[in-house]
């Protein structure tokens, strides 16, 4: 298995330090959006749309960094610092994305008194609204 595949597997399997933080004390209602009033749904949808733009920027940076890793050559002409640097940058981007998701959940909790589960949040951010 090529080294970059092992590195990618490592990043996906090893939890980041931010994943070890305590969970939110805010209740997770499911389906969260349907629990809100019509006015709150509009406000929540606007908040999610704004957050999605910022999260997409981070996702794009992650994709570019992964593409950079795939293009890395493992020969004598390659800098020995390149792989560790890319690894650190990938970890930092992954943690930043995770922290942004948690910050969004906190904002939703503060604003609406509850928050979606992480799975439902992902669906809402990708435009998959529950049908009720």
N, C-alpha and C. Protein backbone atom coordinates (compact mmCIF):
# COMPACT_ATOMS: atom_id res chain seq x y z
N UNK A 1 0.86 -1.17 0.00
CA UNK A 1 0.00 0.00 0.00
C UNK A 1 0.91 1.24 0.00
N UNK A 2 0.71 2.18 -0.94
CA UNK A 2 1.56 3.36 -0.99
C UNK A 2 1.48 4.16 0.31
N UNK A 3 2.55 4.86 0.59
CA UNK A 3 2.65 5.62 1.83
C UNK A 3 1.54 6.66 1.97
N UNK A 4 1.18 7.33 0.87
CA UNK A 4 0.14 8.36 0.99
C UNK A 4 -1.21 7.73 1.33
N UNK A 5 -1.47 6.50 0.88
CA UNK A 5 -2.72 5.82 1.27
C UNK A 5 -2.71 5.48 2.75
N UNK A 6 -1.57 5.06 3.26
CA UNK A 6 -1.46 4.79 4.70
C UNK A 6 -1.66 6.05 5.51
N UNK A 7 -1.11 7.15 5.03
CA UNK A 7 -1.26 8.42 5.72
C UNK A 7 -2.72 8.86 5.73
N UNK A 8 -3.39 8.72 4.60
CA UNK A 8 -4.82 9.08 4.54
C UNK A 8 -5.63 8.21 5.49
N UNK A 9 -5.34 6.93 5.52
CA UNK A 9 -6.04 6.02 6.42
C UNK A 9 -5.81 6.43 7.87
N UNK A 10 -4.59 6.80 8.19
CA UNK A 10 -4.27 7.26 9.54
C UNK A 10 -5.11 8.47 9.92
N UNK A 11 -5.22 9.47 9.03
CA UNK A 11 -5.98 10.68 9.33
C UNK A 11 -7.46 10.39 9.51
N UNK A 12 -7.96 9.42 8.80
CA UNK A 12 -9.38 9.11 8.91
C UNK A 12 -9.71 8.29 10.15
N UNK A 13 -8.77 7.46 10.60
CA UNK A 13 -9.04 6.57 11.72
C UNK A 13 -8.67 7.13 13.07
N UNK A 14 -7.67 7.99 13.12
CA UNK A 14 -7.22 8.53 14.40
C UNK A 14 -8.05 9.76 14.73
N UNK A 15 -8.75 9.76 15.85
CA UNK A 15 -9.57 10.92 16.19
C UNK A 15 -8.69 12.12 16.52
N UNK A 16 -9.14 13.28 16.14
CA UNK A 16 -8.40 14.48 16.45
C UNK A 16 -8.63 14.87 17.90
N UNK A 17 -7.78 15.77 18.43
CA UNK A 17 -7.94 16.16 19.83
C UNK A 17 -9.26 16.86 20.06
N UNK A 18 -9.79 17.58 19.08
CA UNK A 18 -11.05 18.28 19.27
C UNK A 18 -12.23 17.32 19.34
N UNK A 19 -12.08 16.11 18.81
CA UNK A 19 -13.17 15.14 18.90
C UNK A 19 -13.31 14.60 20.31
N UNK A 20 -12.29 14.80 21.13
CA UNK A 20 -12.33 14.28 22.49
C UNK A 20 -13.05 15.23 23.44
N UNK A 21 -13.41 16.42 22.99
CA UNK A 21 -14.11 17.35 23.85
C UNK A 21 -15.47 16.79 24.26
N UNK A 22 -15.96 17.27 25.40
CA UNK A 22 -17.25 16.81 25.90
C UNK A 22 -18.36 17.21 24.94
N UNK A 23 -19.41 16.43 24.93
CA UNK A 23 -20.53 16.73 24.05
C UNK A 23 -21.30 17.94 24.58
N UNK A 24 -22.12 18.50 23.73
CA UNK A 24 -22.90 19.68 24.09
C UNK A 24 -23.98 19.31 25.09
N UNK A 25 -24.26 20.21 26.05
CA UNK A 25 -25.37 19.95 26.96
C UNK A 25 -26.72 20.28 26.34
N UNK A 26 -26.70 20.78 25.14
CA UNK A 26 -27.91 21.18 24.45
C UNK A 26 -28.66 19.95 23.95
N UNK A 27 -30.00 19.93 24.07
CA UNK A 27 -30.72 18.76 23.57
C UNK A 27 -30.65 18.65 22.05
N UNK A 28 -30.55 17.43 21.58
CA UNK A 28 -30.55 17.15 20.14
C UNK A 28 -31.93 16.62 19.78
N UNK A 29 -32.72 17.45 19.17
CA UNK A 29 -34.05 17.03 18.75
C UNK A 29 -33.97 16.44 17.35
N UNK A 30 -34.71 15.39 17.14
CA UNK A 30 -34.69 14.78 15.83
C UNK A 30 -36.11 14.50 15.38
N UNK A 31 -36.54 14.86 14.24
CA UNK A 31 -35.86 15.76 13.31
C UNK A 31 -35.92 17.20 13.83
N UNK A 32 -34.79 17.82 13.93
CA UNK A 32 -34.63 19.12 14.56
C UNK A 32 -35.43 20.21 13.86
N UNK A 33 -35.31 20.30 12.57
CA UNK A 33 -35.94 21.39 11.83
C UNK A 33 -37.46 21.39 11.98
N UNK A 34 -38.05 20.22 12.02
CA UNK A 34 -39.51 20.15 12.13
C UNK A 34 -40.01 20.57 13.50
N UNK A 35 -39.12 20.63 14.50
CA UNK A 35 -39.50 21.05 15.85
C UNK A 35 -39.59 22.58 15.97
N UNK A 36 -39.06 23.28 14.99
CA UNK A 36 -39.01 24.74 15.04
C UNK A 36 -40.28 25.35 14.46
N UNK A 37 -40.57 26.58 14.88
CA UNK A 37 -41.69 27.32 14.29
C UNK A 37 -41.30 27.71 12.86
N UNK A 38 -42.25 28.16 12.10
CA UNK A 38 -41.99 28.56 10.71
C UNK A 38 -40.95 29.67 10.67
N UNK A 39 -41.09 30.66 11.55
CA UNK A 39 -40.13 31.76 11.58
C UNK A 39 -38.74 31.26 11.96
N UNK A 40 -38.66 30.37 12.93
CA UNK A 40 -37.37 29.81 13.33
C UNK A 40 -36.75 28.98 12.21
N UNK A 41 -37.59 28.26 11.46
CA UNK A 41 -37.07 27.48 10.33
C UNK A 41 -36.40 28.38 9.29
N UNK A 42 -37.03 29.51 9.04
CA UNK A 42 -36.47 30.46 8.08
C UNK A 42 -35.12 30.98 8.59
N UNK A 43 -35.09 31.35 9.87
CA UNK A 43 -33.84 31.84 10.46
C UNK A 43 -32.78 30.75 10.47
N UNK A 44 -33.17 29.53 10.83
CA UNK A 44 -32.22 28.42 10.87
C UNK A 44 -31.70 28.11 9.48
N UNK A 45 -32.56 28.14 8.49
CA UNK A 45 -32.14 27.87 7.11
C UNK A 45 -31.13 28.92 6.64
N UNK A 46 -31.36 30.17 7.01
CA UNK A 46 -30.42 31.24 6.65
C UNK A 46 -29.07 31.02 7.34
N UNK A 47 -29.11 30.65 8.62
CA UNK A 47 -27.88 30.37 9.37
C UNK A 47 -27.12 29.20 8.75
N UNK A 48 -27.84 28.16 8.38
CA UNK A 48 -27.21 26.98 7.77
C UNK A 48 -26.62 27.31 6.40
N UNK A 49 -27.33 28.12 5.63
CA UNK A 49 -26.82 28.49 4.29
C UNK A 49 -25.53 29.30 4.42
N UNK A 50 -25.48 30.20 5.38
CA UNK A 50 -24.28 30.99 5.60
C UNK A 50 -23.12 30.10 6.06
N UNK A 51 -23.41 29.20 6.99
CA UNK A 51 -22.38 28.29 7.49
C UNK A 51 -21.88 27.37 6.38
N UNK A 52 -22.78 26.94 5.51
CA UNK A 52 -22.39 26.02 4.44
C UNK A 52 -21.36 26.65 3.51
N UNK A 53 -21.49 27.94 3.27
CA UNK A 53 -20.51 28.63 2.42
C UNK A 53 -19.12 28.56 3.05
N UNK A 54 -19.04 28.85 4.34
CA UNK A 54 -17.75 28.81 5.04
C UNK A 54 -17.20 27.38 5.11
N UNK A 55 -18.07 26.43 5.37
CA UNK A 55 -17.63 25.03 5.45
C UNK A 55 -17.17 24.52 4.09
N UNK A 56 -17.80 24.96 3.04
CA UNK A 56 -17.38 24.55 1.69
C UNK A 56 -15.98 25.05 1.37
N UNK A 57 -15.64 26.23 1.86
CA UNK A 57 -14.28 26.75 1.66
C UNK A 57 -13.27 25.82 2.32
N UNK A 58 -13.57 25.40 3.56
CA UNK A 58 -12.68 24.48 4.26
C UNK A 58 -12.61 23.13 3.55
N UNK A 59 -13.74 22.62 3.09
CA UNK A 59 -13.75 21.34 2.38
C UNK A 59 -12.91 21.41 1.11
N UNK A 60 -13.01 22.53 0.42
CA UNK A 60 -12.23 22.71 -0.81
C UNK A 60 -10.73 22.73 -0.50
N UNK A 61 -10.36 23.38 0.59
CA UNK A 61 -8.95 23.40 1.01
C UNK A 61 -8.47 21.99 1.33
N UNK A 62 -9.32 21.20 1.99
CA UNK A 62 -8.98 19.81 2.29
C UNK A 62 -8.78 19.01 1.00
N UNK A 63 -9.68 19.20 0.04
CA UNK A 63 -9.56 18.48 -1.23
C UNK A 63 -8.27 18.84 -1.96
N UNK A 64 -7.92 20.12 -1.94
CA UNK A 64 -6.68 20.56 -2.59
C UNK A 64 -5.46 19.95 -1.90
N UNK A 65 -5.49 19.91 -0.58
CA UNK A 65 -4.36 19.35 0.17
C UNK A 65 -4.24 17.86 -0.11
N UNK A 66 -5.36 17.15 -0.20
CA UNK A 66 -5.33 15.72 -0.52
C UNK A 66 -4.80 15.50 -1.94
N UNK A 67 -5.18 16.38 -2.85
CA UNK A 67 -4.67 16.29 -4.23
C UNK A 67 -3.16 16.52 -4.24
N UNK A 68 -2.71 17.47 -3.43
CA UNK A 68 -1.28 17.73 -3.31
C UNK A 68 -0.55 16.49 -2.80
N UNK A 69 -1.17 15.82 -1.83
CA UNK A 69 -0.58 14.61 -1.27
C UNK A 69 -0.51 13.51 -2.32
N UNK A 70 -1.56 13.37 -3.13
CA UNK A 70 -1.56 12.34 -4.17
C UNK A 70 -0.49 12.60 -5.22
N UNK A 71 -0.16 13.85 -5.45
CA UNK A 71 0.83 14.20 -6.45
C UNK A 71 2.27 14.14 -5.92
N UNK A 72 2.40 13.93 -4.64
CA UNK A 72 3.72 13.89 -4.02
C UNK A 72 4.53 12.74 -4.59
N UNK A 73 5.76 13.04 -4.96
CA UNK A 73 6.66 12.01 -5.48
C UNK A 73 7.56 11.55 -4.35
N UNK A 74 7.79 10.28 -4.30
CA UNK A 74 8.62 9.70 -3.24
C UNK A 74 9.97 9.30 -3.82
N UNK A 75 10.68 10.27 -4.32
CA UNK A 75 12.00 9.99 -4.88
C UNK A 75 13.03 10.89 -4.20
N UNK A 76 14.26 10.79 -4.61
CA UNK A 76 15.35 11.53 -3.95
C UNK A 76 15.26 13.04 -4.20
N UNK A 77 14.55 13.43 -5.21
CA UNK A 77 14.44 14.86 -5.50
C UNK A 77 13.38 15.54 -4.65
N UNK A 78 12.51 14.76 -4.01
CA UNK A 78 11.47 15.32 -3.16
C UNK A 78 12.05 15.74 -1.81
N UNK A 79 11.54 16.82 -1.32
CA UNK A 79 11.98 17.31 -0.01
C UNK A 79 11.50 16.36 1.08
N UNK A 80 12.37 15.97 2.02
CA UNK A 80 11.94 15.07 3.08
C UNK A 80 10.93 15.71 4.04
N UNK A 81 10.84 17.03 4.03
CA UNK A 81 9.90 17.72 4.90
C UNK A 81 8.49 17.79 4.32
N UNK A 82 8.35 17.45 3.04
CA UNK A 82 7.07 17.62 2.35
C UNK A 82 5.96 16.77 2.96
N UNK A 83 6.20 15.49 3.17
CA UNK A 83 5.16 14.60 3.69
C UNK A 83 4.73 15.00 5.10
N UNK A 84 5.64 15.27 6.04
CA UNK A 84 5.20 15.71 7.37
C UNK A 84 4.45 17.05 7.32
N UNK A 85 4.88 17.95 6.45
CA UNK A 85 4.19 19.24 6.34
C UNK A 85 2.76 19.05 5.85
N UNK A 86 2.61 18.25 4.80
CA UNK A 86 1.27 17.98 4.29
C UNK A 86 0.41 17.29 5.34
N UNK A 87 1.00 16.38 6.08
CA UNK A 87 0.27 15.69 7.14
C UNK A 87 -0.22 16.66 8.20
N UNK A 88 0.64 17.56 8.63
CA UNK A 88 0.24 18.56 9.63
C UNK A 88 -0.86 19.46 9.09
N UNK A 89 -0.72 19.89 7.86
CA UNK A 89 -1.73 20.76 7.26
C UNK A 89 -3.07 20.05 7.13
N UNK A 90 -3.05 18.78 6.77
CA UNK A 90 -4.30 18.02 6.68
C UNK A 90 -4.96 17.90 8.05
N UNK A 91 -4.17 17.60 9.07
CA UNK A 91 -4.72 17.49 10.43
C UNK A 91 -5.32 18.83 10.87
N UNK A 92 -4.61 19.91 10.60
CA UNK A 92 -5.11 21.24 10.99
C UNK A 92 -6.42 21.57 10.28
N UNK A 93 -6.51 21.28 9.00
CA UNK A 93 -7.74 21.55 8.25
C UNK A 93 -8.89 20.68 8.75
N UNK A 94 -8.60 19.42 9.01
CA UNK A 94 -9.63 18.51 9.52
C UNK A 94 -10.16 18.98 10.87
N UNK A 95 -9.25 19.39 11.76
CA UNK A 95 -9.67 19.88 13.08
C UNK A 95 -10.44 21.18 12.97
N UNK A 96 -10.02 22.05 12.06
CA UNK A 96 -10.72 23.31 11.85
C UNK A 96 -12.14 23.05 11.35
N UNK A 97 -12.29 22.13 10.44
CA UNK A 97 -13.63 21.78 9.94
C UNK A 97 -14.49 21.22 11.06
N UNK A 98 -13.94 20.35 11.87
CA UNK A 98 -14.67 19.79 13.02
C UNK A 98 -15.06 20.90 14.00
N UNK A 99 -14.14 21.79 14.28
CA UNK A 99 -14.42 22.90 15.21
C UNK A 99 -15.51 23.81 14.66
N UNK A 100 -15.52 24.02 13.35
CA UNK A 100 -16.56 24.85 12.74
C UNK A 100 -17.94 24.19 12.86
N UNK A 101 -17.98 22.88 12.70
CA UNK A 101 -19.26 22.17 12.88
C UNK A 101 -19.74 22.33 14.33
N UNK A 102 -18.84 22.17 15.29
CA UNK A 102 -19.22 22.32 16.69
C UNK A 102 -19.67 23.75 17.00
N UNK A 103 -18.98 24.73 16.44
CA UNK A 103 -19.37 26.13 16.65
C UNK A 103 -20.75 26.40 16.08
N UNK A 104 -21.04 25.82 14.93
CA UNK A 104 -22.37 25.97 14.34
C UNK A 104 -23.43 25.35 15.24
N UNK A 105 -23.15 24.16 15.77
CA UNK A 105 -24.10 23.53 16.68
C UNK A 105 -24.32 24.41 17.92
N UNK A 106 -23.26 24.99 18.46
CA UNK A 106 -23.41 25.87 19.63
C UNK A 106 -24.26 27.09 19.29
N UNK A 107 -24.01 27.69 18.12
CA UNK A 107 -24.80 28.87 17.73
C UNK A 107 -26.28 28.51 17.59
N UNK A 108 -26.55 27.36 16.98
CA UNK A 108 -27.94 26.93 16.82
C UNK A 108 -28.57 26.67 18.18
N UNK A 109 -27.83 26.08 19.08
CA UNK A 109 -28.33 25.80 20.42
C UNK A 109 -28.65 27.11 21.15
N UNK A 110 -27.74 28.06 21.08
CA UNK A 110 -27.96 29.34 21.76
C UNK A 110 -29.15 30.08 21.17
N UNK A 111 -29.30 29.99 19.88
CA UNK A 111 -30.35 30.76 19.20
C UNK A 111 -31.72 30.10 19.30
N UNK A 112 -31.76 28.76 19.25
CA UNK A 112 -33.05 28.07 19.17
C UNK A 112 -33.33 27.16 20.37
N UNK A 113 -32.37 27.01 21.28
CA UNK A 113 -32.59 26.20 22.48
C UNK A 113 -32.41 24.71 22.26
N UNK A 114 -32.10 24.31 21.06
CA UNK A 114 -31.82 22.91 20.74
C UNK A 114 -30.94 22.90 19.50
N UNK A 115 -30.47 21.73 19.16
CA UNK A 115 -29.62 21.64 17.98
C UNK A 115 -29.84 20.30 17.30
N UNK A 116 -29.52 20.24 16.03
CA UNK A 116 -29.62 18.96 15.33
C UNK A 116 -28.46 18.05 15.73
N UNK A 117 -28.67 16.75 15.59
CA UNK A 117 -27.55 15.82 15.78
C UNK A 117 -26.53 16.10 14.68
N UNK A 118 -25.32 15.61 14.85
CA UNK A 118 -24.29 15.84 13.84
C UNK A 118 -24.70 15.25 12.50
N UNK A 119 -25.34 14.08 12.53
CA UNK A 119 -25.81 13.46 11.27
C UNK A 119 -26.87 14.32 10.60
N UNK A 120 -27.83 14.80 11.39
CA UNK A 120 -28.87 15.64 10.80
C UNK A 120 -28.29 16.97 10.32
N UNK A 121 -27.34 17.50 11.06
CA UNK A 121 -26.69 18.74 10.65
C UNK A 121 -26.04 18.56 9.28
N UNK A 122 -25.34 17.44 9.09
CA UNK A 122 -24.72 17.17 7.80
C UNK A 122 -25.76 17.15 6.69
N UNK A 123 -26.89 16.49 6.95
CA UNK A 123 -27.96 16.43 5.94
C UNK A 123 -28.52 17.81 5.65
N UNK A 124 -28.74 18.61 6.70
CA UNK A 124 -29.28 19.95 6.50
C UNK A 124 -28.30 20.84 5.73
N UNK A 125 -27.03 20.69 6.02
CA UNK A 125 -26.03 21.49 5.32
C UNK A 125 -25.93 21.12 3.85
N UNK A 126 -26.30 19.89 3.52
CA UNK A 126 -26.26 19.45 2.13
C UNK A 126 -27.63 19.55 1.47
N UNK A 127 -28.54 20.27 2.12
CA UNK A 127 -29.84 20.55 1.53
C UNK A 127 -30.85 19.42 1.60
N UNK A 128 -30.59 18.43 2.42
CA UNK A 128 -31.53 17.32 2.56
C UNK A 128 -32.47 17.61 3.73
N UNK A 129 -33.59 18.22 3.42
CA UNK A 129 -34.57 18.60 4.45
C UNK A 129 -35.50 17.43 4.68
N UNK A 130 -35.75 17.07 5.97
CA UNK A 130 -36.66 15.95 6.24
C UNK A 130 -38.06 16.26 5.75
N UNK A 131 -38.73 15.25 5.28
CA UNK A 131 -40.09 15.40 4.77
C UNK A 131 -41.07 15.02 5.87
N UNK A 132 -41.75 16.02 6.44
CA UNK A 132 -42.77 15.80 7.48
C UNK A 132 -44.01 16.57 7.15
